[in-house]
Protein backbone atom coordinates (compact mmCIF):
# COMPACT_ATOMS: atom_id res chain seq x y z
CA MET A 1 13.66 -32.04 32.92
CA ASN A 2 16.12 -31.82 30.00
CA PHE A 3 16.24 -29.31 27.20
CA GLY A 4 14.55 -31.53 24.68
CA GLU A 5 11.45 -31.98 26.83
CA SER A 6 11.30 -28.28 27.62
CA PHE A 7 11.34 -27.59 24.02
CA ARG A 8 8.53 -30.05 23.22
CA ILE A 9 6.41 -28.50 25.96
CA ALA A 10 7.04 -25.03 24.57
CA LEU A 11 6.06 -25.91 21.02
CA ARG A 12 3.01 -27.64 22.36
CA ALA A 13 2.04 -24.51 24.37
CA LEU A 14 2.52 -22.17 21.31
CA SER A 15 0.51 -24.55 18.94
CA ALA A 16 -2.30 -24.57 21.39
CA ASN A 17 -2.80 -20.78 20.50
CA LYS A 18 -1.84 -20.78 16.79
CA THR A 19 -3.48 -17.38 16.01
CA ARG A 20 -2.03 -15.63 19.04
CA SER A 21 1.36 -17.08 18.35
CA LEU A 22 1.23 -15.86 14.62
CA LEU A 23 0.10 -12.41 15.51
CA THR A 24 2.93 -12.26 18.14
CA MET A 25 5.47 -13.34 15.50
CA LEU A 26 4.12 -10.75 13.05
CA GLY A 27 6.11 -7.88 14.83
CA VAL A 28 9.32 -9.88 14.53
CA ILE A 29 8.58 -10.86 10.95
CA ILE A 30 7.93 -7.15 9.97
CA GLY A 31 11.00 -6.08 11.89
CA VAL A 32 13.48 -8.59 10.36
CA ALA A 33 11.95 -8.23 6.92
CA ALA A 34 12.46 -4.37 7.22
CA VAL A 35 16.12 -4.93 8.25
CA ILE A 36 16.82 -7.24 5.32
CA LEU A 37 15.03 -5.08 2.81
CA LEU A 38 16.42 -1.70 3.77
CA VAL A 39 19.96 -2.94 4.22
CA GLY A 40 19.70 -4.77 1.01
CA ILE A 41 18.66 -1.44 -0.75
CA GLY A 42 21.35 0.60 0.96
CA THR A 43 24.08 -2.07 0.11
CA GLY A 44 22.68 -2.28 -3.43
CA VAL A 45 22.88 1.59 -3.95
CA GLN A 46 26.33 1.69 -2.54
CA ASP A 47 27.56 -1.13 -4.80
CA GLU A 48 25.95 0.42 -7.91
CA VAL A 49 27.42 3.92 -7.29
CA THR A 50 30.94 2.81 -6.26
CA GLY A 51 30.91 0.32 -9.10
CA SER A 52 30.06 2.78 -11.76
CA LEU A 53 32.69 5.22 -10.44
CA GLU A 54 35.32 2.51 -10.38
CA GLY A 55 34.50 1.78 -14.03
CA LEU A 56 35.58 5.26 -14.99
CA GLY A 57 39.20 4.25 -14.37
CA SER A 58 41.87 5.27 -11.70
CA ASN A 59 43.20 8.23 -13.66
CA LEU A 60 40.52 10.78 -13.01
CA LEU A 61 40.50 13.83 -10.83
CA PHE A 62 37.20 15.80 -10.12
CA VAL A 63 37.71 19.51 -9.66
CA ILE A 64 34.73 21.08 -7.74
CA PRO A 65 34.22 24.77 -6.72
CA GLY A 66 34.30 25.46 -3.03
CA GLN A 67 36.05 23.77 0.03
CA TYR A 68 35.01 20.26 0.74
CA ASN A 69 36.20 17.89 3.41
CA MET A 70 34.94 14.25 3.40
CA GLY A 71 32.09 15.12 1.05
CA MET A 72 30.67 17.81 3.44
CA ASP A 73 30.74 21.46 2.39
CA SER A 74 33.25 23.08 5.09
CA GLY A 75 33.48 26.57 3.71
CA GLY A 76 29.97 27.69 2.46
CA PRO A 77 28.95 28.36 -1.01
CA PRO A 78 31.85 29.25 -3.16
CA SER A 79 32.09 32.95 -4.30
CA ARG A 80 32.47 31.95 -7.95
CA TYR A 81 32.04 28.86 -10.06
CA PHE A 82 34.14 27.43 -12.85
CA THR A 83 33.51 28.63 -16.47
CA LEU A 84 34.69 27.56 -19.86
CA ASP A 85 37.65 29.99 -19.45
CA ASP A 86 38.82 27.91 -16.45
CA VAL A 87 38.67 24.87 -18.68
CA ASP A 88 40.92 26.62 -21.30
CA THR A 89 43.29 27.61 -18.53
CA LEU A 90 43.66 24.00 -17.39
CA GLN A 91 44.00 22.70 -21.01
CA ARG A 92 46.92 25.07 -21.56
CA ARG A 93 48.68 24.65 -18.20
CA VAL A 94 48.20 21.07 -17.14
CA GLU A 95 50.70 19.23 -19.41
CA ASN A 96 50.09 15.85 -18.25
CA ALA A 97 46.26 15.80 -18.84
CA ALA A 98 44.84 13.59 -21.51
CA ALA A 99 41.45 15.30 -21.34
CA VAL A 100 39.89 18.28 -19.49
CA VAL A 101 36.08 17.93 -19.49
CA PRO A 102 33.71 20.58 -18.26
CA VAL A 103 30.49 19.17 -16.71
CA MET A 104 27.14 20.96 -16.26
CA GLN A 105 24.04 19.50 -14.92
CA ALA A 106 20.47 20.91 -14.68
CA SER A 107 16.87 19.63 -14.61
CA ALA A 108 14.44 20.02 -17.48
CA THR A 109 11.31 18.65 -19.07
CA ILE A 110 11.61 16.90 -22.29
CA LYS A 111 8.63 16.43 -24.68
CA ALA A 112 8.10 14.33 -27.83
CA GLY A 113 4.51 14.46 -29.21
CA ASN A 114 2.13 14.01 -26.26
CA ARG A 115 4.75 12.40 -24.17
CA SER A 116 6.91 14.23 -21.64
CA MET A 117 9.02 13.51 -18.58
CA ARG A 118 11.37 15.33 -16.16
CA VAL A 119 15.05 14.53 -16.84
CA VAL A 120 18.52 15.57 -15.84
CA VAL A 121 20.52 17.39 -18.57
CA ALA A 122 24.18 16.33 -18.59
CA ALA A 123 26.42 18.49 -20.64
CA ALA A 124 30.08 18.20 -21.48
CA THR A 125 32.31 18.46 -24.57
CA GLU A 126 33.03 15.61 -27.06
CA GLN A 127 35.77 14.43 -24.76
CA GLY A 128 33.19 13.38 -22.32
CA ALA A 129 32.85 10.06 -24.43
CA GLU A 130 36.57 9.33 -23.43
CA VAL A 131 35.89 9.98 -19.68
CA PHE A 132 32.39 8.70 -18.84
CA SER A 133 31.35 5.22 -19.59
CA ASN A 134 28.37 5.85 -21.84
CA GLU A 135 27.86 3.05 -24.31
CA VAL A 136 26.10 4.32 -27.45
CA ALA A 137 23.23 1.80 -28.31
CA GLY A 138 22.21 3.69 -31.49
CA GLY A 139 23.27 6.82 -33.39
CA ARG A 140 26.31 8.65 -32.24
CA HIS A 141 27.81 10.98 -29.53
CA TYR A 142 28.01 14.77 -30.35
CA ARG A 143 31.13 15.97 -32.03
CA LYS A 144 33.61 18.87 -31.50
CA GLY A 145 32.09 20.93 -34.21
CA GLU A 146 28.66 20.61 -32.53
CA VAL A 147 30.16 21.80 -29.33
CA GLN A 148 31.87 24.73 -30.99
CA ALA A 149 28.55 25.69 -32.59
CA ALA A 150 26.30 25.04 -29.72
CA SER A 151 24.25 22.75 -31.96
CA ARG A 152 20.84 21.70 -30.67
CA VAL A 153 21.52 18.08 -30.74
CA VAL A 154 20.83 15.56 -27.87
CA GLY A 155 21.45 11.94 -26.85
CA LEU A 156 19.01 10.10 -24.81
CA GLY A 157 19.41 7.94 -21.79
CA TYR A 158 17.94 4.43 -21.94
CA THR A 159 14.68 5.10 -19.93
CA VAL A 160 14.18 8.43 -21.76
CA ALA A 161 14.35 6.78 -25.21
CA GLN A 162 11.97 3.98 -24.06
CA GLU A 163 9.44 6.38 -22.56
CA LEU A 164 9.43 8.99 -25.40
CA PHE A 165 9.78 6.67 -28.37
CA PRO A 166 8.42 3.19 -27.46
CA ASN A 167 8.86 0.51 -30.19
CA GLN A 168 10.68 2.95 -32.56
CA ASP A 169 14.25 4.25 -33.33
CA PRO A 170 14.58 7.65 -31.67
CA VAL A 171 17.47 8.69 -33.86
CA GLY A 172 16.55 11.55 -36.23
CA GLN A 173 13.39 12.37 -34.24
CA GLN A 174 12.64 15.73 -32.78
CA VAL A 175 12.15 16.60 -29.14
CA THR A 176 11.52 19.76 -27.16
CA ILE A 177 13.54 20.58 -23.98
CA ASN A 178 12.26 23.53 -22.12
CA GLY A 179 10.49 24.79 -25.03
CA GLN A 180 13.34 24.54 -27.59
CA ARG A 181 13.55 21.87 -30.35
CA PHE A 182 16.39 19.45 -30.58
CA SER A 183 17.37 16.71 -32.90
CA VAL A 184 18.02 13.31 -31.47
CA ILE A 185 21.39 12.01 -32.64
CA GLY A 186 21.84 8.99 -30.46
CA TYR A 187 20.78 7.06 -27.40
CA TYR A 188 22.60 5.01 -24.85
CA ALA A 189 22.56 1.51 -23.36
CA SER A 190 21.23 1.14 -19.74
CA LEU A 191 23.73 2.55 -17.39
CA GLY A 192 21.92 2.44 -14.14
CA GLY A 193 22.75 4.54 -11.10
CA GLY A 194 25.84 6.83 -10.69
CA MET A 195 27.11 9.83 -8.81
CA ALA A 196 24.24 11.92 -10.13
CA GLY A 197 21.52 9.36 -9.74
CA ASP A 198 19.83 7.36 -12.39
CA ARG A 199 21.78 7.96 -15.55
CA ASP A 200 19.10 6.29 -17.70
CA VAL A 201 16.90 9.39 -17.09
CA GLN A 202 19.57 11.78 -18.30
CA VAL A 203 19.86 13.50 -21.66
CA TYR A 204 23.24 14.49 -23.12
CA MET A 205 24.03 17.59 -25.05
CA PRO A 206 27.00 19.83 -25.69
CA VAL A 207 28.02 22.06 -22.77
CA THR A 208 27.70 25.29 -24.96
CA THR A 209 24.26 24.26 -25.98
CA ALA A 210 23.31 23.70 -22.37
CA GLN A 211 24.55 27.11 -21.29
CA LYS A 212 22.43 28.86 -23.91
CA LEU A 213 19.38 26.67 -23.02
CA PHE A 214 19.63 27.63 -19.31
CA GLY A 215 21.06 31.05 -19.80
CA MET A 216 24.14 30.40 -17.42
CA THR A 217 27.93 29.91 -17.64
CA ASP A 218 28.55 28.19 -14.37
CA LEU A 219 29.81 24.62 -14.40
CA SER A 220 29.02 21.88 -11.95
CA MET A 221 32.58 20.56 -12.11
CA ILE A 222 35.60 19.89 -14.34
CA VAL A 223 36.91 16.33 -14.73
CA VAL A 224 40.61 15.89 -15.68
CA LYS A 225 41.87 12.61 -17.11
CA ALA A 226 45.61 12.09 -16.38
CA ALA A 227 47.54 10.70 -19.29
CA ASP A 228 49.27 8.22 -17.04
CA PRO A 229 47.68 6.92 -13.83
CA ASP A 230 51.02 6.93 -12.18
CA GLU A 231 51.20 10.73 -12.65
CA ILE A 232 47.89 11.50 -10.91
CA ASP A 233 49.74 13.45 -8.08
CA VAL A 234 51.67 15.47 -10.62
CA VAL A 235 48.42 16.43 -12.39
CA ARG A 236 46.85 17.35 -9.15
CA ARG A 237 49.55 19.78 -8.38
CA GLU A 238 49.43 21.33 -11.89
CA ILE A 239 45.66 21.81 -11.61
CA LYS A 240 46.26 23.62 -8.11
CA ARG A 241 48.98 25.77 -9.58
CA ALA A 242 46.64 26.67 -12.54
CA LEU A 243 43.61 27.66 -10.45
CA LEU A 244 45.29 29.18 -7.49
CA PRO A 245 45.80 32.67 -8.87
CA THR A 246 41.98 32.95 -9.78
CA PHE A 247 40.26 30.86 -6.95
CA GLY A 248 42.67 30.92 -4.02
CA ASP A 249 41.60 27.96 -1.90
CA GLU A 250 38.06 27.98 -2.96
CA PHE A 251 38.22 24.75 -4.94
CA THR A 252 38.75 21.05 -4.24
CA VAL A 253 40.49 18.41 -6.24
CA PHE A 254 39.31 14.80 -5.45
CA SER A 255 41.05 11.76 -6.90
CA GLN A 256 39.21 8.56 -7.69
CA GLU A 257 40.31 7.00 -4.54
CA GLN A 258 39.21 9.76 -2.38
CA THR A 259 35.82 10.03 -4.09
CA LEU A 260 35.24 6.39 -3.65
CA GLY A 261 36.23 6.62 0.07
CA ILE A 262 33.82 9.51 0.65
CA LEU A 263 31.02 7.62 -1.21
CA ALA A 264 31.74 4.48 0.81
CA ASP A 265 31.59 6.38 4.08
CA LEU A 266 28.43 8.31 3.28
CA LEU A 267 26.56 5.42 1.78
CA GLY A 268 27.66 3.00 4.54
CA MET A 269 26.40 5.53 7.10
CA LEU A 270 23.13 5.53 5.28
CA THR A 271 22.84 1.77 5.24
CA TYR A 272 23.53 1.56 9.03
CA MET A 273 20.99 4.29 9.53
CA LEU A 274 18.37 2.30 7.61
CA ALA A 275 19.25 -0.74 9.55
CA GLY A 276 18.79 1.15 12.82
CA ILE A 277 15.31 2.39 11.73
CA ALA A 278 14.26 -1.08 10.88
CA GLY A 279 15.69 -2.39 14.18
CA ILE A 280 13.22 -0.15 16.00
CA SER A 281 10.30 -2.14 14.56
CA LEU A 282 12.07 -5.30 15.65
CA MET A 283 12.25 -3.93 19.19
CA VAL A 284 8.56 -3.26 19.07
CA GLY A 285 8.06 -6.92 18.00
CA GLY A 286 10.03 -7.95 20.99
CA ILE A 287 7.75 -5.91 23.24
CA GLY A 288 4.88 -7.66 21.87
CA ILE A 289 6.55 -11.04 22.68
CA MET A 290 6.93 -10.01 26.28
CA ASN A 291 3.44 -8.88 26.60
CA ILE A 292 2.14 -12.13 25.20
CA MET A 293 4.38 -14.18 27.48
CA LEU A 294 3.16 -12.22 30.46
CA VAL A 295 -0.44 -13.05 29.44
CA SER A 296 0.61 -16.70 29.02
CA VAL A 297 2.13 -16.81 32.50
CA SER A 298 -1.22 -15.39 33.89
CA GLU A 299 -3.29 -18.00 31.95
CA ARG A 300 -1.07 -20.82 33.07
CA THR A 301 -0.64 -19.96 36.64
CA ARG A 302 -2.35 -23.19 37.83
CA GLU A 303 -0.28 -25.27 35.46
CA ILE A 304 2.87 -23.70 36.95
CA GLY A 305 1.57 -24.52 40.39
CA ILE A 306 0.98 -28.06 39.54
CA ARG A 307 4.34 -28.58 37.97
CA LYS A 308 6.00 -27.04 41.02
CA ALA A 309 4.08 -29.20 43.32
CA VAL A 310 5.26 -32.39 41.57
CA GLY A 311 8.82 -31.33 41.74
CA ALA A 312 9.62 -28.95 38.84
CA ARG A 313 12.48 -26.74 39.72
CA THR A 314 12.67 -22.94 39.31
CA TYR A 315 15.19 -23.50 36.46
CA ASP A 316 12.69 -25.82 34.71
CA ILE A 317 9.95 -23.17 34.74
CA LEU A 318 12.36 -20.39 33.76
CA SER A 319 13.81 -22.35 30.80
CA GLN A 320 10.33 -23.41 29.55
CA PHE A 321 9.09 -19.83 29.12
CA VAL A 322 12.34 -18.44 27.82
CA ILE A 323 12.38 -21.32 25.17
CA GLU A 324 8.85 -20.32 24.19
CA ALA A 325 9.79 -16.69 23.71
CA VAL A 326 12.99 -17.62 21.78
CA ALA A 327 11.01 -20.10 19.57
CA LEU A 328 8.51 -17.23 18.68
CA SER A 329 11.24 -14.84 17.85
CA VAL A 330 13.48 -17.29 15.89
CA LEU A 331 10.59 -18.68 13.87
CA GLY A 332 9.46 -15.00 13.26
CA GLY A 333 12.99 -14.26 12.30
CA VAL A 334 13.31 -17.06 9.68
CA LEU A 335 10.04 -15.99 8.20
CA GLY A 336 11.11 -12.36 8.25
CA ILE A 337 14.33 -13.22 6.44
CA ALA A 338 12.35 -15.08 3.76
CA VAL A 339 9.98 -12.12 3.35
CA GLY A 340 12.74 -9.54 3.34
CA TRP A 341 14.93 -11.48 0.86
CA GLY A 342 12.06 -12.12 -1.39
CA GLY A 343 10.91 -8.57 -1.34
CA ALA A 344 14.47 -7.22 -2.07
CA THR A 345 14.81 -9.71 -4.92
CA LEU A 346 11.49 -8.40 -6.35
CA ILE A 347 12.43 -4.74 -6.06
CA GLY A 348 15.77 -5.35 -7.79
CA ARG A 349 14.01 -7.10 -10.69
CA LEU A 350 10.91 -5.06 -11.00
CA THR A 351 12.19 -1.48 -10.31
CA PRO A 352 15.39 0.45 -11.08
CA VAL A 353 16.41 0.45 -7.41
CA PRO A 354 19.45 -1.76 -6.93
CA THR A 355 19.44 -4.33 -4.08
CA ASN A 356 21.96 -6.62 -2.68
CA VAL A 357 21.10 -8.97 0.37
CA THR A 358 24.44 -9.79 2.02
CA PRO A 359 25.20 -12.68 4.32
CA TRP A 360 26.05 -10.35 7.16
CA ALA A 361 22.64 -8.62 7.05
CA VAL A 362 20.92 -12.03 7.15
CA ALA A 363 23.13 -13.26 10.02
CA MET A 364 22.72 -9.92 11.90
CA SER A 365 18.90 -10.12 11.56
CA PHE A 366 18.79 -13.76 12.70
CA PHE A 367 20.88 -13.28 15.80
CA PHE A 368 19.15 -10.01 16.61
CA ALA A 369 15.87 -11.75 16.49
CA PHE A 370 17.25 -14.45 18.83
CA GLY A 371 18.55 -11.83 21.18
CA VAL A 372 15.05 -10.14 21.19
CA GLY A 373 13.48 -13.35 22.27
CA VAL A 374 15.92 -14.03 25.01
CA PHE A 375 15.84 -10.31 26.24
CA PHE A 376 12.04 -9.88 26.28
CA GLY A 377 11.39 -13.45 27.32
CA VAL A 378 13.55 -13.40 30.47
CA TYR A 379 11.32 -11.15 32.61
CA PRO A 380 7.99 -13.20 32.00
CA ALA A 381 9.88 -16.42 32.50
CA TRP A 382 11.49 -15.18 35.71
CA LYS A 383 8.10 -13.98 36.95
CA ALA A 384 6.73 -17.50 36.10
CA SER A 385 9.50 -19.16 38.00
CA GLN A 386 9.15 -17.07 41.10
CA LEU A 387 5.25 -18.02 41.60
CA ASP A 388 4.57 -19.60 44.92
CA PRO A 389 3.20 -23.11 44.11
CA ILE A 390 0.54 -22.92 46.84
CA GLU A 391 -0.69 -19.42 45.66
CA ALA A 392 -0.51 -20.67 42.08
CA LEU A 393 -2.72 -23.75 42.84
CA ARG A 394 -5.38 -21.38 44.39
CA TYR A 395 -5.30 -19.11 41.37
CA GLU A 396 -8.71 -18.85 39.69
C-alpha cells in the first residue's frame, strides 16, 4: 500500500469522527496559537524598545549609580545617588560633551476636573529635548528659565492628553499632580514604548520642579551626549575621571551599543521564555493526540485484524496510524498559526502592546506541531502494528 492510499484512509478515518478529531486538534491549535501570539508580543516589544533607543543616536552615554554587569545589579544598592551637583561637575569637566542631562523618574497621579490617571513623571533639563526624541504636537517644551525657577509647568504624553482633555486643546489648561497645580505648556506626539515603558503615559516637567514635588534630590541617571560620535570613548574616560573621586567604582557608564546589547539579550531571553511556556500547552495537545489515537486503535482492532489477514504489512498499519496523528497535528498547527497570527494582529492594532509575527516563529510552530504528531503518534501506531491478526479478529 503506497503513501497516497494510506493518506486517504487516514483522512477517511478522521472524517468519520469529526467532533472527536476537532476536539483533539484543539489542544494543538491552542498551543500553536499561544506560541505565535506570545513570541509575536515578545518580538514586538523587543523591536519597539531597541528601535526607540536606536533613534536617540549613537553618541549617548548613560551614567547610572551602582555597579551593573549585563543589565544585572552586581554590587547591591549604591551607597549614594547622583544629584544636580554631580551634573554640574560633569558639565565643567567633560570637555567633549554636547549636553549633560539629569534624568529623574517617579510615579504620580494627575487630575484634570473629574478625570484622573496614574502616570510616570519624567523630569530633565531643557537639554532633554536635544537628547530624547520627543516630538511636540502642540505647545512647547519647557525652557531653561523654567528649570532654574522650578516652575510648575508640564508637558503631557499623547495618551495622557487624550484621556484628560478629550476633543480639546490641553495647552493652557490646569492639572493637579500629587495635589499641586501645574500649567500645561505642551503635549507630545505618540512615542510608544521605550526604556521606561509606555512613554505616552508620561508627563514631562523640569527636574528642579520634580525634586520639589517629590521632596527628593536623587536622580535616576545622567545622560551625556558626545559632541562627536567618534569621541565616545574619550567622553567615557572623562566621565569616569570626573566621578571617580566622589563615587569610586559605584557607578556604571553604558554606551548606546552596550545598552542595545543588554536589552537585546534580556528581551530575547524573555521571548524564548514565553515561547517555552506556550510550548508546554503544545505538548499537552500532543498527549491528547496520543490518547485519542490509542482509543482509535482499540475501536478499530477488528479492522486491523482484517487488514492483516488480507495481507497488510506491519509497516502499512504503522504508517496509517502515524499519518493520522500527523494529519491531526499539522491541520491543528495550520489553524493555530491562523488564530495566533490573527490574534497578534488584533492586539497590535487595538491595544498599545506592539506585536511582530516573524517567519521563524511561524516555521518553528509548524514544524513543532509536525514533530508533536510524529512523536505522540508513533506509540499508538506501533501498538496497532503489533496486534496479532487472529486475536484482533476475535476482539469484541
